[in-house]
């Protein structure tokens, strides 16, 4: 969705899906369309980075096959050597996929939006005292792992997201947990705030940093941090309109 010459950073979006399905996740399904405003926010945050959108083979996670995670790993494994830092941003089932690939050597940060994290979902991160390495080969320094979940979500469970985030913190892994007041699973009621979160995450991870996310990642987890209302209150129709505008104003530059 953006391919600047000589880019060494990639921002890769992973869309949602369903529990079980081998149907084609065609490009006009709502979970894929929902990623387009986030791509626009990422391009604004770092115009020098590549921006990509995953297209899985199948709509579903499909049990132990975990097809979206397998497809994402294939993409990461086949990236050219010049791509040294990858940010993974995923929603719902895509959130589960990006969390599952959080220990890939090219991954520099993970943002999971309303992720589907079932009870007992394994952690791929190791503690700072173990042999975790950043893409540069230096000691683990705590690349951002941020979770954000709407408090009105009835599709995926914000309590399970909080439990996973707390497990990471107890293991010494830096991570942030955000609660989005008044938001459901589709992330359309406060669409502009979600896009602002993506923009700030990209800027914080690849650029000069963002004070709000810096505080979020270092504050002790006694509970989730409320996502600020950076924008005027919206509603679902405004979120749908934002998605449509983003889809119509951008184009796919290449298929890989």
C-alpha atoms as a PDB file:
ATOM      1  CA  UNK A   1       0.000   0.000   0.000  1.00  0.00           C
ATOM      2  CA  UNK A   2       3.106   2.176   0.131  1.00  0.00           C
ATOM      3  CA  UNK A   3       6.505   1.279  -1.297  1.00  0.00           C
ATOM      4  CA  UNK A   4       9.096   4.064  -0.948  1.00  0.00           C
ATOM      5  CA  UNK A   5      12.406   3.319  -2.624  1.00  0.00           C
ATOM      6  CA  UNK A   6      15.094   1.886  -0.345  1.00  0.00           C
ATOM      7  CA  UNK A   7      12.735   1.542   2.620  1.00  0.00           C
ATOM      8  CA  UNK A   8      14.117  -0.590   5.446  1.00  0.00           C
ATOM      9  CA  UNK A   9      11.039  -0.517   7.711  1.00  0.00           C
ATOM     10  CA  UNK A  10       7.744  -2.296   7.078  1.00  0.00           C
ATOM     11  CA  UNK A  11       4.406  -1.653   8.790  1.00  0.00           C
ATOM     12  CA  UNK A  12       2.267  -4.738   8.203  1.00  0.00           C
ATOM     13  CA  UNK A  13      -1.460  -4.951   8.969  1.00  0.00           C
ATOM     14  CA  UNK A  14      -3.253  -8.207   9.738  1.00  0.00           C
ATOM     15  CA  UNK A  15      -7.049  -8.191   9.442  1.00  0.00           C
ATOM     16  CA  UNK A  16      -9.683 -10.126  11.332  1.00  0.00           C
ATOM     17  CA  UNK A  17     -11.601 -13.207  10.309  1.00  0.00           C
ATOM     18  CA  UNK A  18     -13.632 -16.066  11.789  1.00  0.00           C
ATOM     19  CA  UNK A  19     -12.934 -19.092  13.952  1.00  0.00           C
ATOM     20  CA  UNK A  20     -13.225 -21.739  11.216  1.00  0.00           C
ATOM     21  CA  UNK A  21     -13.477 -21.220   7.466  1.00  0.00           C
ATOM     22  CA  UNK A  22     -11.531 -22.088   4.336  1.00  0.00           C
ATOM     23  CA  UNK A  23     -13.403 -19.482   2.276  1.00  0.00           C
ATOM     24  CA  UNK A  24     -11.471 -16.836   0.359  1.00  0.00           C
ATOM     25  CA  UNK A  25     -10.992 -13.636   2.411  1.00  0.00           C
ATOM     26  CA  UNK A  26     -11.622 -11.399  -0.585  1.00  0.00           C
ATOM     27  CA  UNK A  27     -10.444  -7.804  -0.548  1.00  0.00           C
ATOM     28  CA  UNK A  28     -13.884  -6.273   0.040  1.00  0.00           C
ATOM     29  CA  UNK A  29     -14.799  -8.050   3.244  1.00  0.00           C
ATOM     30  CA  UNK A  30     -15.326  -5.616   6.178  1.00  0.00           C
ATOM     31  CA  UNK A  31     -12.382  -6.906   8.293  1.00  0.00           C
ATOM     32  CA  UNK A  32      -9.956  -6.084   5.465  1.00  0.00           C
ATOM     33  CA  UNK A  33     -11.584  -2.767   4.642  1.00  0.00           C
ATOM     34  CA  UNK A  34     -11.261  -1.741   8.299  1.00  0.00           C
ATOM     35  CA  UNK A  35      -7.468  -1.783   7.908  1.00  0.00           C
ATOM     36  CA  UNK A  36      -7.361   0.941   5.255  1.00  0.00           C
ATOM     37  CA  UNK A  37      -7.727   3.958   7.582  1.00  0.00           C
ATOM     38  CA  UNK A  38      -4.950   2.508   9.719  1.00  0.00           C
ATOM     39  CA  UNK A  39      -2.727   2.247   6.652  1.00  0.00           C
ATOM     40  CA  UNK A  40      -3.350   5.924   5.962  1.00  0.00           C
ATOM     41  CA  UNK A  41      -2.434   6.775   9.568  1.00  0.00           C
ATOM     42  CA  UNK A  42       0.763   4.727   9.311  1.00  0.00           C
ATOM     43  CA  UNK A  43       1.782   6.459   6.084  1.00  0.00           C
ATOM     44  CA  UNK A  44       1.272   9.817   7.757  1.00  0.00           C
ATOM     45  CA  UNK A  45       3.356   8.769  10.760  1.00  0.00           C
ATOM     46  CA  UNK A  46       6.290   7.488   8.713  1.00  0.00           C
ATOM     47  CA  UNK A  47       6.250   8.300   4.962  1.00  0.00           C
ATOM     48  CA  UNK A  48       9.596   6.524   4.527  1.00  0.00           C
ATOM     49  CA  UNK A  49       8.266   3.083   5.543  1.00  0.00           C
ATOM     50  CA  UNK A  50       6.707   0.329   3.493  1.00  0.00           C
ATOM     51  CA  UNK A  51       3.064  -0.286   4.390  1.00  0.00           C
ATOM     52  CA  UNK A  52       1.551  -3.688   3.709  1.00  0.00           C
ATOM     53  CA  UNK A  53      -1.782  -5.448   4.156  1.00  0.00           C
ATOM     54  CA  UNK A  54      -1.964  -9.197   4.737  1.00  0.00           C
ATOM     55  CA  UNK A  55      -4.258 -11.350   2.620  1.00  0.00           C
ATOM     56  CA  UNK A  56      -4.539 -14.786   4.207  1.00  0.00           C
ATOM     57  CA  UNK A  57      -5.306 -17.901   2.230  1.00  0.00           C
ATOM     58  CA  UNK A  58      -8.451 -18.517   4.286  1.00  0.00           C
ATOM     59  CA  UNK A  59     -10.941 -16.541   6.340  1.00  0.00           C
ATOM     60  CA  UNK A  60     -10.562 -18.743   9.415  1.00  0.00           C
ATOM     61  CA  UNK A  61      -8.001 -19.489  12.100  1.00  0.00           C
ATOM     62  CA  UNK A  62      -8.867 -23.166  11.699  1.00  0.00           C
ATOM     63  CA  UNK A  63      -7.764 -24.739  14.934  1.00  0.00           C
ATOM     64  CA  UNK A  64      -4.225 -25.970  15.325  1.00  0.00           C
ATOM     65  CA  UNK A  65      -3.498 -25.117  11.682  1.00  0.00           C
ATOM     66  CA  UNK A  66      -3.538 -21.446  12.747  1.00  0.00           C
ATOM     67  CA  UNK A  67      -3.521 -20.465   9.079  1.00  0.00           C
ATOM     68  CA  UNK A  68      -3.260 -16.658   9.542  1.00  0.00           C
ATOM     69  CA  UNK A  69      -0.219 -17.017  11.800  1.00  0.00           C
ATOM     70  CA  UNK A  70       1.364 -19.471   9.366  1.00  0.00           C
ATOM     71  CA  UNK A  71       0.751 -17.098   6.453  1.00  0.00           C
ATOM     72  CA  UNK A  72       2.168 -14.163   8.386  1.00  0.00           C
ATOM     73  CA  UNK A  73       5.286 -16.155   9.266  1.00  0.00           C
ATOM     74  CA  UNK A  74       5.753 -17.036   5.595  1.00  0.00           C
ATOM     75  CA  UNK A  75       5.651 -13.356   4.647  1.00  0.00           C
ATOM     76  CA  UNK A  76       8.115 -12.389   7.370  1.00  0.00           C
ATOM     77  CA  UNK A  77      10.502 -15.219   6.488  1.00  0.00           C
ATOM     78  CA  UNK A  78      10.557 -14.171   2.826  1.00  0.00           C
ATOM     79  CA  UNK A  79      11.199 -10.469   3.337  1.00  0.00           C
ATOM     80  CA  UNK A  80      14.372  -9.196   1.686  1.00  0.00           C
ATOM     81  CA  UNK A  81      17.397  -8.523   3.885  1.00  0.00           C
ATOM     82  CA  UNK A  82      17.015  -4.762   3.468  1.00  0.00           C
ATOM     83  CA  UNK A  83      13.841  -4.898   5.591  1.00  0.00           C
ATOM     84  CA  UNK A  84      15.291  -4.839   9.089  1.00  0.00           C
ATOM     85  CA  UNK A  85      12.379  -3.627  11.237  1.00  0.00           C
ATOM     86  CA  UNK A  86       8.759  -4.740  11.012  1.00  0.00           C
ATOM     87  CA  UNK A  87       5.822  -3.396  12.974  1.00  0.00           C
ATOM     88  CA  UNK A  88       2.883  -5.787  13.215  1.00  0.00           C
ATOM     89  CA  UNK A  89      -0.579  -4.295  13.747  1.00  0.00           C
ATOM     90  CA  UNK A  90      -3.512  -6.691  13.882  1.00  0.00           C
ATOM     91  CA  UNK A  91      -7.216  -6.635  14.697  1.00  0.00           C
ATOM     92  CA  UNK A  92      -9.238  -9.483  16.206  1.00  0.00           C
ATOM     93  CA  UNK A  93      -7.995 -12.730  14.593  1.00  0.00           C
ATOM     94  CA  UNK A  94      -5.205 -10.632  13.094  1.00  0.00           C
ATOM     95  CA  UNK A  95      -4.385  -9.497  16.619  1.00  0.00           C
ATOM     96  CA  UNK A  96      -3.927 -13.126  17.602  1.00  0.00           C
ATOM     97  CA  UNK A  97      -1.688 -13.663  14.574  1.00  0.00           C
ATOM     98  CA  UNK A  98       0.598 -10.699  15.289  1.00  0.00           C
ATOM     99  CA  UNK A  99       0.926 -11.718  18.934  1.00  0.00           C
ATOM    100  CA  UNK A 100       1.885 -15.237  17.821  1.00  0.00           C
ATOM    101  CA  UNK A 101       4.683 -13.772  15.649  1.00  0.00           C
ATOM    102  CA  UNK A 102       5.954 -11.319  18.249  1.00  0.00           C
ATOM    103  CA  UNK A 103       9.254 -13.174  18.642  1.00  0.00           C
ATOM    104  CA  UNK A 104      10.147 -13.203  14.944  1.00  0.00           C
ATOM    105  CA  UNK A 105      13.643 -11.717  14.532  1.00  0.00           C
ATOM    106  CA  UNK A 106      12.444  -8.976  12.196  1.00  0.00           C
ATOM    107  CA  UNK A 107       9.568  -7.835  14.432  1.00  0.00           C
ATOM    108  CA  UNK A 108      10.298  -4.559  16.192  1.00  0.00           C
ATOM    109  CA  UNK A 109       6.914  -3.881  17.772  1.00  0.00           C
ATOM    110  CA  UNK A 110       3.383  -5.268  18.041  1.00  0.00           C
ATOM    111  CA  UNK A 111       0.050  -3.486  18.340  1.00  0.00           C
ATOM    112  CA  UNK A 112      -2.927  -5.778  18.969  1.00  0.00           C
ATOM    113  CA  UNK A 113      -6.335  -4.137  18.487  1.00  0.00           C
ATOM    114  CA  UNK A 114      -9.261  -5.960  20.131  1.00  0.00           C
ATOM    115  CA  UNK A 115      -7.276  -9.191  19.794  1.00  0.00           C
ATOM    116  CA  UNK A 116      -8.730 -12.667  20.011  1.00  0.00           C
ATOM    117  CA  UNK A 117      -6.607 -14.221  22.754  1.00  0.00           C
ATOM    118  CA  UNK A 118      -8.273 -17.368  24.121  1.00  0.00           C
ATOM    119  CA  UNK A 119      -7.593 -18.442  27.682  1.00  0.00           C
ATOM    120  CA  UNK A 120      -4.251 -20.208  27.841  1.00  0.00           C
ATOM    121  CA  UNK A 121      -2.917 -18.655  24.626  1.00  0.00           C
ATOM    122  CA  UNK A 122       0.846 -19.325  24.769  1.00  0.00           C
ATOM    123  CA  UNK A 123       3.323 -16.481  25.020  1.00  0.00           C
ATOM    124  CA  UNK A 124       6.151 -16.406  22.477  1.00  0.00           C
ATOM    125  CA  UNK A 125       8.117 -13.744  24.341  1.00  0.00           C
ATOM    126  CA  UNK A 126      10.965 -14.592  26.681  1.00  0.00           C
ATOM    127  CA  UNK A 127      11.976 -12.538  29.674  1.00  0.00           C
ATOM    128  CA  UNK A 128      14.823 -10.004  29.504  1.00  0.00           C
ATOM    129  CA  UNK A 129      16.991 -12.395  31.534  1.00  0.00           C
ATOM    130  CA  UNK A 130      16.768 -14.999  28.778  1.00  0.00           C
ATOM    131  CA  UNK A 131      18.318 -14.926  25.319  1.00  0.00           C
ATOM    132  CA  UNK A 132      15.761 -12.747  23.543  1.00  0.00           C
ATOM    133  CA  UNK A 133      17.294 -10.571  20.849  1.00  0.00           C
ATOM    134  CA  UNK A 134      16.174  -7.528  18.927  1.00  0.00           C
ATOM    135  CA  UNK A 135      16.528  -7.441  15.102  1.00  0.00           C
ATOM    136  CA  UNK A 136      19.822  -5.606  15.529  1.00  0.00           C
ATOM    137  CA  UNK A 137      21.242  -8.486  17.556  1.00  0.00           C
ATOM    138  CA  UNK A 138      21.579  -6.495  20.785  1.00  0.00           C
ATOM    139  CA  UNK A 139      20.132  -7.450  24.161  1.00  0.00           C
ATOM    140  CA  UNK A 140      16.353  -7.338  24.447  1.00  0.00           C
ATOM    141  CA  UNK A 141      15.408  -3.740  25.175  1.00  0.00           C
ATOM    142  CA  UNK A 142      11.625  -3.975  25.321  1.00  0.00           C
ATOM    143  CA  UNK A 143      10.234  -3.325  21.865  1.00  0.00           C
ATOM    144  CA  UNK A 144       6.676  -2.062  22.385  1.00  0.00           C
ATOM    145  CA  UNK A 145       3.905  -4.608  22.835  1.00  0.00           C
ATOM    146  CA  UNK A 146       0.644  -2.685  23.124  1.00  0.00           C
ATOM    147  CA  UNK A 147      -2.856  -4.091  23.542  1.00  0.00           C
ATOM    148  CA  UNK A 148      -6.007  -1.994  23.074  1.00  0.00           C
ATOM    149  CA  UNK A 149      -9.539  -3.256  23.591  1.00  0.00           C
ATOM    150  CA  UNK A 150     -12.977  -1.663  23.622  1.00  0.00           C
ATOM    151  CA  UNK A 151     -14.890  -2.014  26.875  1.00  0.00           C
ATOM    152  CA  UNK A 152     -18.107  -2.772  24.970  1.00  0.00           C
ATOM    153  CA  UNK A 153     -16.592  -5.573  22.863  1.00  0.00           C
ATOM    154  CA  UNK A 154     -18.846  -8.644  22.782  1.00  0.00           C
ATOM    155  CA  UNK A 155     -16.923 -10.564  20.095  1.00  0.00           C
ATOM    156  CA  UNK A 156     -13.511 -10.865  21.744  1.00  0.00           C
ATOM    157  CA  UNK A 157     -12.981 -10.604  25.477  1.00  0.00           C
ATOM    158  CA  UNK A 158     -11.159  -7.551  26.901  1.00  0.00           C
ATOM    159  CA  UNK A 159     -10.640  -9.435  30.176  1.00  0.00           C
ATOM    160  CA  UNK A 160      -8.653 -12.144  28.365  1.00  0.00           C
ATOM    161  CA  UNK A 161      -6.560  -9.452  26.691  1.00  0.00           C
ATOM    162  CA  UNK A 162      -5.857  -7.930  30.107  1.00  0.00           C
ATOM    163  CA  UNK A 163      -4.913 -11.344  31.486  1.00  0.00           C
ATOM    164  CA  UNK A 164      -2.441 -11.902  28.642  1.00  0.00           C
ATOM    165  CA  UNK A 165      -0.900  -8.452  29.094  1.00  0.00           C
ATOM    166  CA  UNK A 166      -0.516  -9.062  32.811  1.00  0.00           C
ATOM    167  CA  UNK A 167       1.197 -12.404  32.149  1.00  0.00           C
ATOM    168  CA  UNK A 168       3.764 -10.606  30.011  1.00  0.00           C
ATOM    169  CA  UNK A 169       4.369  -7.932  32.624  1.00  0.00           C
ATOM    170  CA  UNK A 170       4.813 -10.544  35.366  1.00  0.00           C
ATOM    171  CA  UNK A 171       7.443 -12.202  33.148  1.00  0.00           C
ATOM    172  CA  UNK A 172       9.269  -8.885  32.846  1.00  0.00           C
ATOM    173  CA  UNK A 173       8.196  -8.155  29.267  1.00  0.00           C
ATOM    174  CA  UNK A 174       7.361  -4.463  28.651  1.00  0.00           C
ATOM    175  CA  UNK A 175       3.803  -4.030  27.474  1.00  0.00           C
ATOM    176  CA  UNK A 176       0.951  -1.552  27.482  1.00  0.00           C
ATOM    177  CA  UNK A 177      -2.765  -2.164  27.998  1.00  0.00           C
ATOM    178  CA  UNK A 178      -5.348   0.359  26.827  1.00  0.00           C
ATOM    179  CA  UNK A 179      -9.107   0.360  27.359  1.00  0.00           C
ATOM    180  CA  UNK A 180     -11.240   2.168  24.787  1.00  0.00           C
ATOM    181  CA  UNK A 181     -14.337   3.457  26.530  1.00  0.00           C
ATOM    182  CA  UNK A 182     -17.611   3.098  24.659  1.00  0.00           C
ATOM    183  CA  UNK A 183     -16.129   1.027  21.861  1.00  0.00           C
ATOM    184  CA  UNK A 184     -17.266  -2.262  20.331  1.00  0.00           C
ATOM    185  CA  UNK A 185     -15.385  -4.852  18.317  1.00  0.00           C
ATOM    186  CA  UNK A 186     -15.611  -3.110  14.943  1.00  0.00           C
ATOM    187  CA  UNK A 187     -13.763  -0.048  16.299  1.00  0.00           C
ATOM    188  CA  UNK A 188     -16.136   2.332  14.514  1.00  0.00           C
ATOM    189  CA  UNK A 189     -17.601   4.375  17.377  1.00  0.00           C
ATOM    190  CA  UNK A 190     -14.251   6.071  18.055  1.00  0.00           C
ATOM    191  CA  UNK A 191     -12.659   5.426  14.690  1.00  0.00           C
ATOM    192  CA  UNK A 192     -10.543   8.588  14.708  1.00  0.00           C
ATOM    193  CA  UNK A 193      -9.058   7.717  18.106  1.00  0.00           C
ATOM    194  CA  UNK A 194      -8.085   4.228  16.913  1.00  0.00           C
ATOM    195  CA  UNK A 195      -6.358   5.744  13.887  1.00  0.00           C
ATOM    196  CA  UNK A 196      -4.576   8.217  16.132  1.00  0.00           C
ATOM    197  CA  UNK A 197      -3.372   5.324  18.287  1.00  0.00           C
ATOM    198  CA  UNK A 198      -1.922   3.623  15.196  1.00  0.00           C
ATOM    199  CA  UNK A 199      -0.231   6.852  14.129  1.00  0.00           C
ATOM    200  CA  UNK A 200       1.298   7.369  17.568  1.00  0.00           C
ATOM    201  CA  UNK A 201       2.405   3.743  17.838  1.00  0.00           C
ATOM    202  CA  UNK A 202       4.272   3.953  14.531  1.00  0.00           C
ATOM    203  CA  UNK A 203       5.811   7.269  15.483  1.00  0.00           C
ATOM    204  CA  UNK A 204       6.790   6.047  18.947  1.00  0.00           C
ATOM    205  CA  UNK A 205       8.373   2.830  17.668  1.00  0.00           C
ATOM    206  CA  UNK A 206      10.125   4.037  14.527  1.00  0.00           C
ATOM    207  CA  UNK A 207      10.471   7.742  15.170  1.00  0.00           C
ATOM    208  CA  UNK A 208      11.068  10.254  17.925  1.00  0.00           C
ATOM    209  CA  UNK A 209       8.699   8.679  20.429  1.00  0.00           C
ATOM    210  CA  UNK A 210       5.320   9.547  21.902  1.00  0.00           C
ATOM    211  CA  UNK A 211       4.950  10.622  25.567  1.00  0.00           C
ATOM    212  CA  UNK A 212       1.577   8.944  26.059  1.00  0.00           C
ATOM    213  CA  UNK A 213       2.771   5.547  24.805  1.00  0.00           C
ATOM    214  CA  UNK A 214       6.060   5.893  26.667  1.00  0.00           C
ATOM    215  CA  UNK A 215       4.110   6.311  29.904  1.00  0.00           C
ATOM    216  CA  UNK A 216       1.736   3.482  28.990  1.00  0.00           C
ATOM    217  CA  UNK A 217       4.611   1.063  28.481  1.00  0.00           C
ATOM    218  CA  UNK A 218       6.313   1.879  31.782  1.00  0.00           C
ATOM    219  CA  UNK A 219       3.352   2.347  34.143  1.00  0.00           C
ATOM    220  CA  UNK A 220       2.677  -0.550  36.483  1.00  0.00           C
ATOM    221  CA  UNK A 221      -0.376  -2.502  35.378  1.00  0.00           C
ATOM    222  CA  UNK A 222      -2.984  -2.064  38.080  1.00  0.00           C
ATOM    223  CA  UNK A 223      -5.562  -1.996  35.310  1.00  0.00           C
ATOM    224  CA  UNK A 224      -5.862  -0.757  31.748  1.00  0.00           C
ATOM    225  CA  UNK A 225      -5.000   2.822  30.843  1.00  0.00           C
ATOM    226  CA  UNK A 226      -7.957   4.653  29.265  1.00  0.00           C
ATOM    227  CA  UNK A 227      -7.356   5.636  25.661  1.00  0.00           C
ATOM    228  CA  UNK A 228      -7.569   9.443  25.519  1.00  0.00           C
ATOM    229  CA  UNK A 229     -10.378  11.057  23.573  1.00  0.00           C
ATOM    230  CA  UNK A 230      -8.070  12.796  21.142  1.00  0.00           C
ATOM    231  CA  UNK A 231     -10.944  13.574  18.779  1.00  0.00           C
ATOM    232  CA  UNK A 232     -14.513  14.736  19.053  1.00  0.00           C
ATOM    233  CA  UNK A 233     -16.980  11.960  19.885  1.00  0.00           C
ATOM    234  CA  UNK A 234     -18.079  10.118  16.767  1.00  0.00           C
ATOM    235  CA  UNK A 235     -20.435   7.279  15.991  1.00  0.00           C
ATOM    236  CA  UNK A 236     -20.549   4.181  13.824  1.00  0.00           C
ATOM    237  CA  UNK A 237     -21.657   6.034  10.632  1.00  0.00           C
ATOM    238  CA  UNK A 238     -18.658   8.369  10.937  1.00  0.00           C
ATOM    239  CA  UNK A 239     -16.376   5.349  11.277  1.00  0.00           C
ATOM    240  CA  UNK A 240     -17.884   3.722   8.214  1.00  0.00           C
ATOM    241  CA  UNK A 241     -17.411   6.945   6.259  1.00  0.00           C
ATOM    242  CA  UNK A 242     -13.778   7.180   7.390  1.00  0.00           C
ATOM    243  CA  UNK A 243     -13.184   3.613   6.180  1.00  0.00           C
ATOM    244  CA  UNK A 244     -14.812   4.287   2.810  1.00  0.00           C
ATOM    245  CA  UNK A 245     -12.807   7.454   2.261  1.00  0.00           C
ATOM    246  CA  UNK A 246      -9.548   5.697   3.129  1.00  0.00           C
ATOM    247  CA  UNK A 247     -10.291   2.837   0.753  1.00  0.00           C
ATOM    248  CA  UNK A 248     -11.226   5.099  -2.134  1.00  0.00           C
ATOM    249  CA  UNK A 249      -8.349   7.542  -1.659  1.00  0.00           C
ATOM    250  CA  UNK A 250      -5.584   4.921  -1.538  1.00  0.00           C
ATOM    251  CA  UNK A 251      -4.515   2.200  -3.900  1.00  0.00           C
ATOM    252  CA  UNK A 252      -2.506  -0.976  -3.756  1.00  0.00           C
ATOM    253  CA  UNK A 253       0.907  -0.321  -5.275  1.00  0.00           C
ATOM    254  CA  UNK A 254       2.086  -3.931  -5.577  1.00  0.00           C
ATOM    255  CA  UNK A 255       1.080  -7.530  -4.819  1.00  0.00           C
ATOM    256  CA  UNK A 256       3.664  -9.786  -3.194  1.00  0.00           C
END
